[in-house]
């Protein structure tokens, strides 16, 4: 029990430090469906495992592009019956 409280305190301190270093700028985010928050700009990366030997591997990340989100369209954030129909239209299925 004591270990859990210590770990919680450590995580709270790390979160406070991170928040001070990287404040959330409202001008650099886009609000999405279900109260999700996305960065307006970011990088697309792929992770690749490099085999060093039979038992050892190393992870490498490669940047393959940059993206920009301007807004989300076609998604209704309200909880009415039409929102399910809009989602079906966004992702048509073969019949």
PDB file of N, CA and C in Angstrom:
ATOM      1  N   UNK A   1       0.829  -1.197   0.000  1.00  0.00           N
ATOM      2  CA  UNK A   1       0.000   0.000   0.000  1.00  0.00           C
ATOM      3  C   UNK A   1       0.873   1.260   0.000  1.00  0.00           C
ATOM      4  N   UNK A   2       1.940   1.236   0.776  1.00  0.00           N
ATOM      5  CA  UNK A   2       2.827   2.395   0.833  1.00  0.00           C
ATOM      6  C   UNK A   2       3.497   2.608  -0.515  1.00  0.00           C
ATOM      7  N   UNK A   3       3.879   1.522  -1.161  1.00  0.00           N
ATOM      8  CA  UNK A   3       4.529   1.609  -2.463  1.00  0.00           C
ATOM      9  C   UNK A   3       3.601   2.255  -3.490  1.00  0.00           C
ATOM     10  N   UNK A   4       2.320   1.907  -3.425  1.00  0.00           N
ATOM     11  CA  UNK A   4       1.352   2.470  -4.353  1.00  0.00           C
ATOM     12  C   UNK A   4       1.214   3.977  -4.150  1.00  0.00           C
ATOM     13  N   UNK A   5       1.180   4.436  -2.905  1.00  0.00           N
ATOM     14  CA  UNK A   5       1.079   5.870  -2.630  1.00  0.00           C
ATOM     15  C   UNK A   5       2.331   6.592  -3.099  1.00  0.00           C
ATOM     16  N   UNK A   6       3.487   5.984  -2.895  1.00  0.00           N
ATOM     17  CA  UNK A   6       4.733   6.595  -3.354  1.00  0.00           C
ATOM     18  C   UNK A   6       4.762   6.692  -4.877  1.00  0.00           C
ATOM     19  N   UNK A   7       4.318   5.620  -5.523  1.00  0.00           N
ATOM     20  CA  UNK A   7       4.290   5.624  -6.984  1.00  0.00           C
ATOM     21  C   UNK A   7       3.307   6.668  -7.507  1.00  0.00           C
ATOM     22  N   UNK A   8       2.149   6.785  -6.851  1.00  0.00           N
ATOM     23  CA  UNK A   8       1.163   7.783  -7.255  1.00  0.00           C
ATOM     24  C   UNK A   8       1.744   9.183  -7.103  1.00  0.00           C
ATOM     25  N   UNK A   9       2.424   9.430  -6.003  1.00  0.00           N
ATOM     26  CA  UNK A   9       3.039  10.739  -5.784  1.00  0.00           C
ATOM     27  C   UNK A   9       4.098  11.036  -6.831  1.00  0.00           C
ATOM     28  N   UNK A  10       4.900  10.022  -7.175  1.00  0.00           N
ATOM     29  CA  UNK A  10       5.931  10.193  -8.184  1.00  0.00           C
ATOM     30  C   UNK A  10       5.304  10.527  -9.546  1.00  0.00           C
ATOM     31  N   UNK A  11       4.231   9.809  -9.906  1.00  0.00           N
ATOM     32  CA  UNK A  11       3.562  10.060 -11.188  1.00  0.00           C
ATOM     33  C   UNK A  11       2.920  11.449 -11.219  1.00  0.00           C
ATOM     34  N   UNK A  12       2.351  11.881 -10.100  1.00  0.00           N
ATOM     35  CA  UNK A  12       1.760  13.218 -10.042  1.00  0.00           C
ATOM     36  C   UNK A  12       2.823  14.298 -10.210  1.00  0.00           C
ATOM     37  N   UNK A  13       4.007  14.101  -9.610  1.00  0.00           N
ATOM     38  CA  UNK A  13       5.093  15.062  -9.774  1.00  0.00           C
ATOM     39  C   UNK A  13       5.570  15.099 -11.221  1.00  0.00           C
ATOM     40  N   UNK A  14       5.688  13.919 -11.852  1.00  0.00           N
ATOM     41  CA  UNK A  14       6.092  13.868 -13.258  1.00  0.00           C
ATOM     42  C   UNK A  14       5.079  14.580 -14.144  1.00  0.00           C
ATOM     43  N   UNK A  15       3.786  14.358 -13.876  1.00  0.00           N
ATOM     44  CA  UNK A  15       2.739  15.010 -14.658  1.00  0.00           C
ATOM     45  C   UNK A  15       2.785  16.522 -14.487  1.00  0.00           C
ATOM     46  N   UNK A  16       2.984  16.992 -13.265  1.00  0.00           N
ATOM     47  CA  UNK A  16       3.071  18.431 -13.021  1.00  0.00           C
ATOM     48  C   UNK A  16       4.282  19.026 -13.745  1.00  0.00           C
ATOM     49  N   UNK A  17       5.407  18.323 -13.714  1.00  0.00           N
ATOM     50  CA  UNK A  17       6.612  18.797 -14.396  1.00  0.00           C
ATOM     51  C   UNK A  17       6.375  18.852 -15.903  1.00  0.00           C
ATOM     52  N   UNK A  18       5.756  17.813 -16.454  1.00  0.00           N
ATOM     53  CA  UNK A  18       5.466  17.774 -17.891  1.00  0.00           C
ATOM     54  C   UNK A  18       4.504  18.895 -18.283  1.00  0.00           C
ATOM     55  N   UNK A  19       3.495  19.137 -17.461  1.00  0.00           N
ATOM     56  CA  UNK A  19       2.516  20.184 -17.747  1.00  0.00           C
ATOM     57  C   UNK A  19       3.174  21.558 -17.735  1.00  0.00           C
ATOM     58  N   UNK A  20       4.111  21.767 -16.815  1.00  0.00           N
ATOM     59  CA  UNK A  20       4.828  23.047 -16.779  1.00  0.00           C
ATOM     60  C   UNK A  20       5.709  23.220 -18.015  1.00  0.00           C
ATOM     61  N   UNK A  21       6.370  22.138 -18.436  1.00  0.00           N
ATOM     62  CA  UNK A  21       7.256  22.218 -19.599  1.00  0.00           C
ATOM     63  C   UNK A  21       6.481  22.349 -20.903  1.00  0.00           C
ATOM     64  N   UNK A  22       5.350  21.666 -21.018  1.00  0.00           N
ATOM     65  CA  UNK A  22       4.578  21.614 -22.261  1.00  0.00           C
ATOM     66  C   UNK A  22       3.122  21.995 -21.999  1.00  0.00           C
ATOM     67  N   UNK A  23       2.850  23.279 -21.804  1.00  0.00           N
ATOM     68  CA  UNK A  23       1.453  23.664 -21.557  1.00  0.00           C
ATOM     69  C   UNK A  23       0.592  23.424 -22.789  1.00  0.00           C
ATOM     70  N   UNK A  24      -0.674  23.116 -22.576  1.00  0.00           N
ATOM     71  CA  UNK A  24      -1.613  22.860 -23.668  1.00  0.00           C
ATOM     72  C   UNK A  24      -2.037  24.184 -24.278  1.00  0.00           C
ATOM     73  N   UNK A  25      -1.630  24.434 -25.503  1.00  0.00           N
ATOM     74  CA  UNK A  25      -1.958  25.661 -26.213  1.00  0.00           C
ATOM     75  C   UNK A  25      -3.242  25.432 -27.002  1.00  0.00           C
ATOM     76  N   UNK A  26      -4.276  26.179 -26.678  1.00  0.00           N
ATOM     77  CA  UNK A  26      -5.578  26.012 -27.334  1.00  0.00           C
ATOM     78  C   UNK A  26      -5.517  26.308 -28.825  1.00  0.00           C
ATOM     79  N   UNK A  27      -4.514  27.060 -29.284  1.00  0.00           N
ATOM     80  CA  UNK A  27      -4.397  27.379 -30.703  1.00  0.00           C
ATOM     81  C   UNK A  27      -3.805  26.222 -31.508  1.00  0.00           C
ATOM     82  N   UNK A  28      -3.218  25.248 -30.836  1.00  0.00           N
ATOM     83  CA  UNK A  28      -2.559  24.142 -31.541  1.00  0.00           C
ATOM     84  C   UNK A  28      -3.291  22.821 -31.404  1.00  0.00           C
ATOM     85  N   UNK A  29      -4.571  22.857 -31.015  1.00  0.00           N
ATOM     86  CA  UNK A  29      -5.336  21.620 -30.878  1.00  0.00           C
ATOM     87  C   UNK A  29      -6.625  21.703 -31.672  1.00  0.00           C
ATOM     88  N   UNK A  30      -7.166  20.537 -31.991  1.00  0.00           N
ATOM     89  CA  UNK A  30      -8.462  20.421 -32.662  1.00  0.00           C
ATOM     90  C   UNK A  30      -9.293  19.465 -31.821  1.00  0.00           C
ATOM     91  N   UNK A  31     -10.503  19.847 -31.518  1.00  0.00           N
ATOM     92  CA  UNK A  31     -11.402  18.982 -30.744  1.00  0.00           C
ATOM     93  C   UNK A  31     -12.106  18.033 -31.697  1.00  0.00           C
ATOM     94  N   UNK A  32     -12.088  16.757 -31.356  1.00  0.00           N
ATOM     95  CA  UNK A  32     -12.715  15.748 -32.185  1.00  0.00           C
ATOM     96  C   UNK A  32     -13.940  15.165 -31.522  1.00  0.00           C
ATOM     97  N   UNK A  33     -14.443  14.079 -32.057  1.00  0.00           N
ATOM     98  CA  UNK A  33     -15.627  13.431 -31.482  1.00  0.00           C
ATOM     99  C   UNK A  33     -15.300  12.826 -30.122  1.00  0.00           C
ATOM    100  N   UNK A  34     -16.314  12.665 -29.305  1.00  0.00           N
ATOM    101  CA  UNK A  34     -16.193  12.048 -27.982  1.00  0.00           C
ATOM    102  C   UNK A  34     -15.191  12.769 -27.094  1.00  0.00           C
ATOM    103  N   UNK A  35     -15.122  14.093 -27.207  1.00  0.00           N
ATOM    104  CA  UNK A  35     -14.240  14.930 -26.386  1.00  0.00           C
ATOM    105  C   UNK A  35     -12.765  14.571 -26.513  1.00  0.00           C
ATOM    106  N   UNK A  36     -12.350  14.049 -27.652  1.00  0.00           N
ATOM    107  CA  UNK A  36     -10.938  13.772 -27.887  1.00  0.00           C
ATOM    108  C   UNK A  36     -10.243  15.049 -28.351  1.00  0.00           C
ATOM    109  N   UNK A  37      -8.977  15.188 -27.994  1.00  0.00           N
ATOM    110  CA  UNK A  37      -8.186  16.345 -28.370  1.00  0.00           C
ATOM    111  C   UNK A  37      -7.035  15.861 -29.240  1.00  0.00           C
ATOM    112  N   UNK A  38      -6.839  16.504 -30.381  1.00  0.00           N
ATOM    113  CA  UNK A  38      -5.785  16.135 -31.315  1.00  0.00           C
ATOM    114  C   UNK A  38      -4.889  17.340 -31.569  1.00  0.00           C
ATOM    115  N   UNK A  39      -3.622  17.086 -31.824  1.00  0.00           N
ATOM    116  CA  UNK A  39      -2.708  18.153 -32.232  1.00  0.00           C
ATOM    117  C   UNK A  39      -3.024  18.546 -33.663  1.00  0.00           C
ATOM    118  N   UNK A  40      -2.935  19.830 -33.971  1.00  0.00           N
ATOM    119  CA  UNK A  40      -3.193  20.275 -35.336  1.00  0.00           C
ATOM    120  C   UNK A  40      -2.118  19.791 -36.288  1.00  0.00           C
ATOM    121  N   UNK A  41      -0.883  19.737 -35.818  1.00  0.00           N
ATOM    122  CA  UNK A  41       0.222  19.309 -36.659  1.00  0.00           C
ATOM    123  C   UNK A  41       1.002  18.208 -35.961  1.00  0.00           C
ATOM    124  N   UNK A  42       1.563  17.326 -36.756  1.00  0.00           N
ATOM    125  CA  UNK A  42       2.360  16.254 -36.186  1.00  0.00           C
ATOM    126  C   UNK A  42       3.122  15.524 -37.271  1.00  0.00           C
ATOM    127  N   UNK A  43       3.824  14.510 -36.857  1.00  0.00           N
ATOM    128  CA  UNK A  43       4.630  13.728 -37.784  1.00  0.00           C
ATOM    129  C   UNK A  43       4.122  12.294 -37.833  1.00  0.00           C
ATOM    130  N   UNK A  44       4.177  11.708 -38.993  1.00  0.00           N
ATOM    131  CA  UNK A  44       3.827  10.306 -39.180  1.00  0.00           C
ATOM    132  C   UNK A  44       5.126   9.525 -39.134  1.00  0.00           C
ATOM    133  N   UNK A  45       5.196   8.591 -38.215  1.00  0.00           N
ATOM    134  CA  UNK A  45       6.417   7.797 -38.065  1.00  0.00           C
ATOM    135  C   UNK A  45       6.079   6.315 -38.116  1.00  0.00           C
ATOM    136  N   UNK A  46       7.067   5.539 -38.457  1.00  0.00           N
ATOM    137  CA  UNK A  46       6.930   4.089 -38.429  1.00  0.00           C
ATOM    138  C   UNK A  46       8.002   3.537 -37.507  1.00  0.00           C
ATOM    139  N   UNK A  47       7.632   2.471 -36.824  1.00  0.00           N
ATOM    140  CA  UNK A  47       8.580   1.821 -35.928  1.00  0.00           C
ATOM    141  C   UNK A  47       9.106   0.572 -36.620  1.00  0.00           C
ATOM    142  N   UNK A  48      10.398   0.400 -36.573  1.00  0.00           N
ATOM    143  CA  UNK A  48      11.032  -0.736 -37.218  1.00  0.00           C
ATOM    144  C   UNK A  48      11.942  -1.408 -36.205  1.00  0.00           C
ATOM    145  N   UNK A  49      11.881  -2.722 -36.150  1.00  0.00           N
ATOM    146  CA  UNK A  49      12.747  -3.477 -35.251  1.00  0.00           C
ATOM    147  C   UNK A  49      13.967  -3.941 -36.027  1.00  0.00           C
ATOM    148  N   UNK A  50      15.133  -3.612 -35.536  1.00  0.00           N
ATOM    149  CA  UNK A  50      16.399  -4.010 -36.138  1.00  0.00           C
ATOM    150  C   UNK A  50      16.966  -5.167 -35.328  1.00  0.00           C
ATOM    151  N   UNK A  51      17.223  -6.272 -35.973  1.00  0.00           N
ATOM    152  CA  UNK A  51      17.774  -7.422 -35.277  1.00  0.00           C
ATOM    153  C   UNK A  51      19.287  -7.262 -35.167  1.00  0.00           C
ATOM    154  N   UNK A  52      19.764  -7.212 -33.928  1.00  0.00           N
ATOM    155  CA  UNK A  52      21.191  -7.092 -33.677  1.00  0.00           C
ATOM    156  C   UNK A  52      21.851  -8.461 -33.581  1.00  0.00           C
ATOM    157  N   UNK A  53      21.139  -9.385 -32.992  1.00  0.00           N
ATOM    158  CA  UNK A  53      21.613 -10.761 -32.895  1.00  0.00           C
ATOM    159  C   UNK A  53      20.374 -11.635 -32.744  1.00  0.00           C
ATOM    160  N   UNK A  54      20.563 -12.888 -32.444  1.00  0.00           N
ATOM    161  CA  UNK A  54      19.425 -13.795 -32.312  1.00  0.00           C
ATOM    162  C   UNK A  54      18.511 -13.364 -31.164  1.00  0.00           C
ATOM    163  N   UNK A  55      19.073 -12.868 -30.090  1.00  0.00           N
ATOM    164  CA  UNK A  55      18.286 -12.530 -28.907  1.00  0.00           C
ATOM    165  C   UNK A  55      18.054 -11.033 -28.717  1.00  0.00           C
ATOM    166  N   UNK A  56      18.724 -10.209 -29.468  1.00  0.00           N
ATOM    167  CA  UNK A  56      18.611  -8.763 -29.241  1.00  0.00           C
ATOM    168  C   UNK A  56      18.048  -8.050 -30.458  1.00  0.00           C
ATOM    169  N   UNK A  57      17.124  -7.119 -30.189  1.00  0.00           N
ATOM    170  CA  UNK A  57      16.595  -6.248 -31.236  1.00  0.00           C
ATOM    171  C   UNK A  57      16.624  -4.809 -30.725  1.00  0.00           C
ATOM    172  N   UNK A  58      16.541  -3.891 -31.647  1.00  0.00           N
ATOM    173  CA  UNK A  58      16.508  -2.476 -31.296  1.00  0.00           C
ATOM    174  C   UNK A  58      15.373  -1.828 -32.078  1.00  0.00           C
ATOM    175  N   UNK A  59      14.681  -0.882 -31.451  1.00  0.00           N
ATOM    176  CA  UNK A  59      13.610  -0.151 -32.124  1.00  0.00           C
ATOM    177  C   UNK A  59      14.181   1.101 -32.769  1.00  0.00           C
ATOM    178  N   UNK A  60      13.761   1.378 -33.981  1.00  0.00           N
ATOM    179  CA  UNK A  60      14.101   2.629 -34.651  1.00  0.00           C
ATOM    180  C   UNK A  60      12.814   3.254 -35.166  1.00  0.00           C
ATOM    181  N   UNK A  61      12.726   4.559 -35.051  1.00  0.00           N
ATOM    182  CA  UNK A  61      11.569   5.289 -35.553  1.00  0.00           C
ATOM    183  C   UNK A  61      12.008   6.130 -36.739  1.00  0.00           C
ATOM    184  N   UNK A  62      11.248   6.059 -37.823  1.00  0.00           N
ATOM    185  CA  UNK A  62      11.557   6.809 -39.034  1.00  0.00           C
ATOM    186  C   UNK A  62      10.392   7.739 -39.360  1.00  0.00           C
ATOM    187  N   UNK A  63      10.700   9.002 -39.544  1.00  0.00           N
ATOM    188  CA  UNK A  63       9.683   9.982 -39.921  1.00  0.00           C
ATOM    189  C   UNK A  63       9.428   9.860 -41.421  1.00  0.00           C
ATOM    190  N   UNK A  64       8.154   9.629 -41.781  1.00  0.00           N
ATOM    191  CA  UNK A  64       7.840   9.472 -43.204  1.00  0.00           C
ATOM    192  C   UNK A  64       6.973  10.601 -43.740  1.00  0.00           C
ATOM    193  N   UNK A  65       6.567  11.525 -42.875  1.00  0.00           N
ATOM    194  CA  UNK A  65       5.758  12.636 -43.360  1.00  0.00           C
ATOM    195  C   UNK A  65       5.251  13.503 -42.232  1.00  0.00           C
ATOM    196  N   UNK A  66       4.557  14.552 -42.600  1.00  0.00           N
ATOM    197  CA  UNK A  66       3.980  15.487 -41.649  1.00  0.00           C
ATOM    198  C   UNK A  66       2.498  15.632 -41.968  1.00  0.00           C
ATOM    199  N   UNK A  67       1.661  15.778 -40.941  1.00  0.00           N
ATOM    200  CA  UNK A  67       0.234  15.944 -41.186  1.00  0.00           C
ATOM    201  C   UNK A  67      -0.271  17.220 -40.521  1.00  0.00           C
ATOM    202  N   UNK A  68      -1.393  17.716 -41.041  1.00  0.00           N
ATOM    203  CA  UNK A  68      -2.077  18.870 -40.482  1.00  0.00           C
ATOM    204  C   UNK A  68      -3.571  18.568 -40.459  1.00  0.00           C
ATOM    205  N   UNK A  69      -4.200  18.781 -39.307  1.00  0.00           N
ATOM    206  CA  UNK A  69      -5.646  18.614 -39.165  1.00  0.00           C
ATOM    207  C   UNK A  69      -6.247  20.007 -39.060  1.00  0.00           C
ATOM    208  N   UNK A  70      -7.195  20.307 -39.932  1.00  0.00           N
ATOM    209  CA  UNK A  70      -7.847  21.610 -39.878  1.00  0.00           C
ATOM    210  C   UNK A  70      -9.157  21.539 -39.103  1.00  0.00           C
ATOM    211  N   UNK A  71      -9.956  20.508 -39.372  1.00  0.00           N
ATOM    212  CA  UNK A  71     -11.217  20.325 -38.661  1.00  0.00           C
ATOM    213  C   UNK A  71     -11.746  18.919 -38.934  1.00  0.00           C
ATOM    214  N   UNK A  72     -12.662  18.492 -38.096  1.00  0.00           N
ATOM    215  CA  UNK A  72     -13.347  17.229 -38.323  1.00  0.00           C
ATOM    216  C   UNK A  72     -14.681  17.545 -38.964  1.00  0.00           C
ATOM    217  N   UNK A  73     -14.999  16.841 -40.043  1.00  0.00           N
ATOM    218  CA  UNK A  73     -16.266  17.067 -40.714  1.00  0.00           C
ATOM    219  C   UNK A  73     -17.012  15.745 -40.837  1.00  0.00           C
ATOM    220  N   UNK A  74     -18.322  15.823 -40.910  1.00  0.00           N
ATOM    221  CA  UNK A  74     -19.132  14.631 -41.097  1.00  0.00           C
ATOM    222  C   UNK A  74     -19.364  13.829 -39.842  1.00  0.00           C
ATOM    223  N   UNK A  75     -18.942  14.358 -38.702  1.00  0.00           N
ATOM    224  CA  UNK A  75     -19.146  13.644 -37.445  1.00  0.00           C
ATOM    225  C   UNK A  75     -20.009  14.521 -36.564  1.00  0.00           C
ATOM    226  N   UNK A  76     -21.125  13.983 -36.123  1.00  0.00           N
ATOM    227  CA  UNK A  76     -22.053  14.704 -35.270  1.00  0.00           C
ATOM    228  C   UNK A  76     -21.719  14.377 -33.827  1.00  0.00           C
ATOM    229  N   UNK A  77     -21.411  15.371 -33.009  1.00  0.00           N
ATOM    230  CA  UNK A  77     -21.060  15.142 -31.612  1.00  0.00           C
ATOM    231  C   UNK A  77     -22.277  15.028 -30.711  1.00  0.00           C
ATOM    232  N   UNK A  78     -23.471  15.279 -31.237  1.00  0.00           N
ATOM    233  CA  UNK A  78     -24.682  15.168 -30.425  1.00  0.00           C
ATOM    234  C   UNK A  78     -25.072  13.713 -30.277  1.00  0.00           C
ATOM    235  N   UNK A  79     -25.858  13.434 -29.265  1.00  0.00           N
ATOM    236  CA  UNK A  79     -26.276  12.056 -29.015  1.00  0.00           C
ATOM    237  C   UNK A  79     -27.681  11.795 -29.543  1.00  0.00           C
ATOM    238  N   UNK A  80     -27.983  12.225 -30.750  1.00  0.00           N
ATOM    239  CA  UNK A  80     -29.284  11.932 -31.331  1.00  0.00           C
ATOM    240  C   UNK A  80     -29.165  10.755 -32.291  1.00  0.00           C
ATOM    241  N   UNK A  81     -30.272  10.287 -32.783  1.00  0.00           N
ATOM    242  CA  UNK A  81     -30.307   9.079 -33.597  1.00  0.00           C
ATOM    243  C   UNK A  81     -29.615   9.239 -34.944  1.00  0.00           C
ATOM    244  N   UNK A  82     -29.481  10.473 -35.448  1.00  0.00           N
ATOM    245  CA  UNK A  82     -28.866  10.688 -36.753  1.00  0.00           C
ATOM    246  C   UNK A  82     -27.364  10.443 -36.750  1.00  0.00           C
ATOM    247  N   UNK A  83     -26.733  10.497 -35.562  1.00  0.00           N
ATOM    248  CA  UNK A  83     -25.278  10.365 -35.515  1.00  0.00           C
ATOM    249  C   UNK A  83     -24.835   8.980 -35.975  1.00  0.00           C
ATOM    250  N   UNK A  84     -25.614   7.960 -35.698  1.00  0.00           N
ATOM    251  CA  UNK A  84     -25.244   6.611 -36.131  1.00  0.00           C
ATOM    252  C   UNK A  84     -25.314   6.496 -37.651  1.00  0.00           C
ATOM    253  N   UNK A  85     -26.320   7.135 -38.260  1.00  0.00           N
ATOM    254  CA  UNK A  85     -26.442   7.099 -39.710  1.00  0.00           C
ATOM    255  C   UNK A  85     -25.272   7.816 -40.383  1.00  0.00           C
ATOM    256  N   UNK A  86     -24.818   8.935 -39.798  1.00  0.00           N
ATOM    257  CA  UNK A  86     -23.696   9.666 -40.372  1.00  0.00           C
ATOM    258  C   UNK A  86     -22.430   8.817 -40.330  1.00  0.00           C
ATOM    259  N   UNK A  87     -22.252   8.079 -39.255  1.00  0.00           N
ATOM    260  CA  UNK A  87     -21.070   7.220 -39.142  1.00  0.00           C
ATOM    261  C   UNK A  87     -21.114   6.128 -40.192  1.00  0.00           C
ATOM    262  N   UNK A  88     -22.278   5.574 -40.467  1.00  0.00           N
ATOM    263  CA  UNK A  88     -22.402   4.548 -41.499  1.00  0.00           C
ATOM    264  C   UNK A  88     -22.053   5.117 -42.869  1.00  0.00           C
ATOM    265  N   UNK A  89     -22.442   6.378 -43.114  1.00  0.00           N
ATOM    266  CA  UNK A  89     -22.128   6.998 -44.399  1.00  0.00           C
ATOM    267  C   UNK A  89     -20.637   7.268 -44.544  1.00  0.00           C
ATOM    268  N   UNK A  90     -19.950   7.529 -43.426  1.00  0.00           N
ATOM    269  CA  UNK A  90     -18.523   7.814 -43.483  1.00  0.00           C
ATOM    270  C   UNK A  90     -17.720   6.560 -43.813  1.00  0.00           C
ATOM    271  N   UNK A  91     -18.190   5.409 -43.363  1.00  0.00           N
ATOM    272  CA  UNK A  91     -17.482   4.154 -43.558  1.00  0.00           C
ATOM    273  C   UNK A  91     -18.394   3.163 -44.268  1.00  0.00           C
ATOM    274  N   UNK A  92     -18.575   3.323 -45.580  1.00  0.00           N
ATOM    275  CA  UNK A  92     -19.476   2.412 -46.299  1.00  0.00           C
ATOM    276  C   UNK A  92     -18.940   0.999 -46.308  1.00  0.00           C
ATOM    277  N   UNK A  93     -19.855   0.049 -46.202  1.00  0.00           N
ATOM    278  CA  UNK A  93     -19.464  -1.357 -46.219  1.00  0.00           C
ATOM    279  C   UNK A  93     -19.974  -1.989 -47.489  1.00  0.00           C
ATOM    280  N   UNK A  94     -19.200  -2.937 -47.995  1.00  0.00           N
ATOM    281  CA  UNK A  94     -19.606  -3.648 -49.197  1.00  0.00           C
ATOM    282  C   UNK A  94     -20.759  -4.580 -48.864  1.00  0.00           C
ATOM    283  N   UNK A  95     -21.801  -4.549 -49.686  1.00  0.00           N
ATOM    284  CA  UNK A  95     -22.944  -5.456 -49.458  1.00  0.00           C
ATOM    285  C   UNK A  95     -23.176  -6.314 -50.670  1.00  0.00           C
TER     286      UNK A  95
END
